Protein backbone atom coordinates (compact mmCIF):
# COMPACT_ATOMS: atom_id res chain seq x y z
CA MET A 1 0.00 0.00 0.00
CA THR A 2 1.37 3.41 -0.94
CA SER A 3 1.54 6.15 1.62
CA ILE A 4 -0.48 9.31 1.03
CA ARG A 5 1.41 12.51 1.66
CA ILE A 6 -0.64 14.73 3.98
CA PRO A 7 0.43 18.42 4.17
CA THR A 8 2.14 19.43 7.44
CA GLU A 9 -0.51 22.07 8.16
CA ILE A 10 -3.07 19.28 8.32
CA ILE A 11 -0.95 16.86 10.35
CA ASP A 12 -0.30 19.62 12.89
CA ILE A 13 -4.00 20.02 13.70
CA PHE A 14 -4.94 16.33 13.70
CA PRO A 15 -5.97 15.71 17.33
CA TYR A 16 -4.62 12.18 17.71
CA LYS A 17 -1.11 10.74 17.73
CA ASN A 18 -1.57 8.71 14.53
CA ILE A 19 -3.61 9.03 11.36
CA ARG A 20 -5.08 5.66 10.40
CA PRO A 21 -4.71 4.43 6.78
CA ILE A 22 -8.36 5.05 5.89
CA GLN A 23 -8.30 8.48 7.53
CA ASP A 24 -5.34 9.62 5.43
CA LYS A 25 -7.29 8.78 2.27
CA LEU A 26 -10.33 10.65 3.55
CA ILE A 27 -8.28 13.70 4.54
CA PHE A 28 -6.49 13.77 1.20
CA THR A 29 -9.71 13.33 -0.79
CA ILE A 30 -11.64 15.98 1.13
CA HIS A 31 -8.79 18.49 1.20
CA SER A 32 -8.15 18.06 -2.53
CA ALA A 33 -11.85 18.43 -3.36
CA LEU A 34 -12.11 21.62 -1.33
CA LYS A 35 -9.00 23.08 -2.93
CA GLU A 36 -10.48 22.36 -6.37
CA ARG A 37 -13.95 23.58 -5.31
CA LYS A 38 -15.47 20.17 -6.05
CA ASN A 39 -18.03 18.07 -4.21
CA VAL A 40 -17.24 14.80 -2.51
CA ILE A 41 -19.48 12.19 -0.90
CA ILE A 42 -18.03 10.08 1.88
CA GLU A 43 -19.59 6.88 3.16
CA GLY A 44 -18.11 4.64 5.82
CA ALA A 45 -18.80 2.51 8.87
CA ASN A 46 -19.24 3.84 12.39
CA GLY A 47 -15.94 4.52 14.12
CA LEU A 48 -13.98 4.98 10.92
CA GLY A 49 -12.99 8.55 11.77
CA LYS A 50 -15.04 10.38 9.14
CA THR A 51 -15.81 13.39 11.33
CA VAL A 52 -12.27 13.99 12.55
CA ALA A 53 -10.89 13.43 9.03
CA THR A 54 -13.38 15.87 7.54
CA LEU A 55 -12.75 18.57 10.12
CA THR A 56 -9.00 18.12 9.87
CA ALA A 57 -9.16 18.55 6.09
CA CYS A 58 -11.48 21.57 6.26
CA ILE A 59 -9.93 23.68 9.04
CA PRO A 60 -6.77 24.77 7.13
CA ILE A 61 -8.86 25.89 4.17
CA ALA A 62 -11.31 27.72 6.42
CA LYS A 63 -8.41 29.54 8.10
CA GLU A 64 -6.94 30.35 4.68
CA HIS A 65 -10.23 32.09 3.80
CA GLY A 66 -10.59 33.86 7.14
CA LEU A 67 -13.54 31.76 8.27
């Protein structure tokens, strides 16, 4: 499995010690979609880390736009 490169600004705000393999894909997908002003639909099981991954991906972009 290849490693996804998550920007430092995102890693710095992630609230847990480690980002799980599925979470890194979610973060990358959401962050990329936001940067490109595209929509993304995420579906996953309970406990996967969807909320924390989504917030972690969104916060840097919100800060960038003064939100």
